[in-house]
Protein backbone atom coordinates (compact mmCIF):
# COMPACT_ATOMS: atom_id res chain seq x y z
CA UNK A 1 0.74 25.50 -19.15
CA UNK A 2 1.28 22.82 -21.77
CA UNK A 3 0.56 19.12 -21.55
CA UNK A 4 4.20 18.17 -20.89
CA UNK A 5 4.31 20.44 -17.84
CA UNK A 6 1.10 18.97 -16.44
CA UNK A 7 2.39 15.42 -16.94
CA UNK A 8 5.69 16.32 -15.28
CA UNK A 9 3.95 17.85 -12.26
CA UNK A 10 1.68 14.84 -11.87
CA UNK A 11 4.60 12.44 -12.22
CA UNK A 12 6.66 14.26 -9.59
CA UNK A 13 3.65 14.32 -7.28
CA UNK A 14 2.70 10.65 -7.68
CA UNK A 15 5.94 8.67 -7.83
CA UNK A 16 7.37 9.71 -4.46
CA UNK A 17 4.23 8.41 -2.79
CA UNK A 18 4.92 5.00 -4.31
CA UNK A 19 8.52 5.06 -3.11
CA UNK A 20 7.50 5.78 0.46
CA UNK A 21 4.40 3.63 0.58
CA UNK A 22 3.76 1.26 3.42
CA UNK A 23 5.87 -1.86 3.69
CA UNK A 24 3.34 -4.31 5.10
CA UNK A 25 4.16 -7.18 2.71
CA UNK A 26 7.87 -6.85 3.47
CA UNK A 27 7.18 -6.97 7.21
CA UNK A 28 4.93 -10.00 6.78
CA UNK A 29 7.84 -11.74 5.07
CA UNK A 30 10.18 -10.68 7.87
CA UNK A 31 7.80 -12.16 10.45
CA UNK A 32 7.59 -15.41 8.46
CA UNK A 33 11.39 -15.55 8.23
CA UNK A 34 11.85 -14.91 11.95
CA UNK A 35 9.27 -17.59 12.81
CA UNK A 36 11.03 -20.13 10.61
CA UNK A 37 14.36 -19.42 12.32
CA UNK A 38 13.15 -19.96 15.89
CA UNK A 39 13.29 -23.32 17.62
CA UNK A 40 9.64 -24.27 18.09
CA UNK A 41 10.43 -26.59 21.00
CA UNK A 42 11.97 -23.72 22.99
CA UNK A 43 9.81 -20.83 21.84
CA UNK A 44 6.47 -22.44 20.95
CA UNK A 45 4.32 -19.91 22.84
CA UNK A 46 6.20 -16.95 21.34
CA UNK A 47 5.81 -18.39 17.85
CA UNK A 48 2.06 -18.90 18.32
CA UNK A 49 1.62 -15.33 19.61
CA UNK A 50 3.64 -14.00 16.66
CA UNK A 51 1.48 -16.00 14.24
CA UNK A 52 -1.66 -14.43 15.72
CA UNK A 53 -0.13 -10.95 15.34
CA UNK A 54 0.97 -11.77 11.78
CA UNK A 55 -2.57 -12.81 10.86
CA UNK A 56 -4.02 -9.65 12.38
CA UNK A 57 -1.41 -7.52 10.61
CA UNK A 58 -2.15 -9.14 7.26
CA UNK A 59 -5.88 -8.65 7.80
CA UNK A 60 -5.37 -4.95 8.62
CA UNK A 61 -3.26 -4.62 5.45
CA UNK A 62 -5.97 -6.23 3.31
CA UNK A 63 -8.55 -3.90 4.89
CA UNK A 64 -6.44 -0.89 3.90
CA UNK A 65 -5.37 0.08 7.42
CA UNK A 66 -1.65 0.06 6.65
CA UNK A 67 -0.47 1.98 9.69
CA UNK A 68 -2.24 -0.46 12.01
CA UNK A 69 -0.82 -3.34 9.99
CA UNK A 70 2.72 -2.00 10.32
CA UNK A 71 2.27 -1.45 14.07
CA UNK A 72 1.00 -5.00 14.61
CA UNK A 73 3.72 -6.54 12.45
CA UNK A 74 6.39 -4.50 14.24
CA UNK A 75 5.09 -5.89 17.54
CA UNK A 76 5.38 -9.41 16.15
CA UNK A 77 8.96 -8.73 15.07
CA UNK A 78 9.85 -7.36 18.52
CA UNK A 79 8.31 -10.46 20.07
CA UNK A 80 10.34 -12.73 17.82
CA UNK A 81 13.59 -10.98 18.69
CA UNK A 82 14.25 -13.49 21.48
């Protein structure tokens, strides 16, 4: 096996994992967007709960627990879907 073949195999094996990696930062942005669109006078308690979930989701992401982060952020998004 020559060097080009090895590089090709490694490239094919590595790049798909980047394409399907976790989307925690995107979901954090979605939570922020949904919070900014809600009327805080009507939905203040929901917004505060979503902010707590967002913080926990971001912390899980920073700690490398991406599945937990996505689950928490998905819960925040469901909560914000008033």
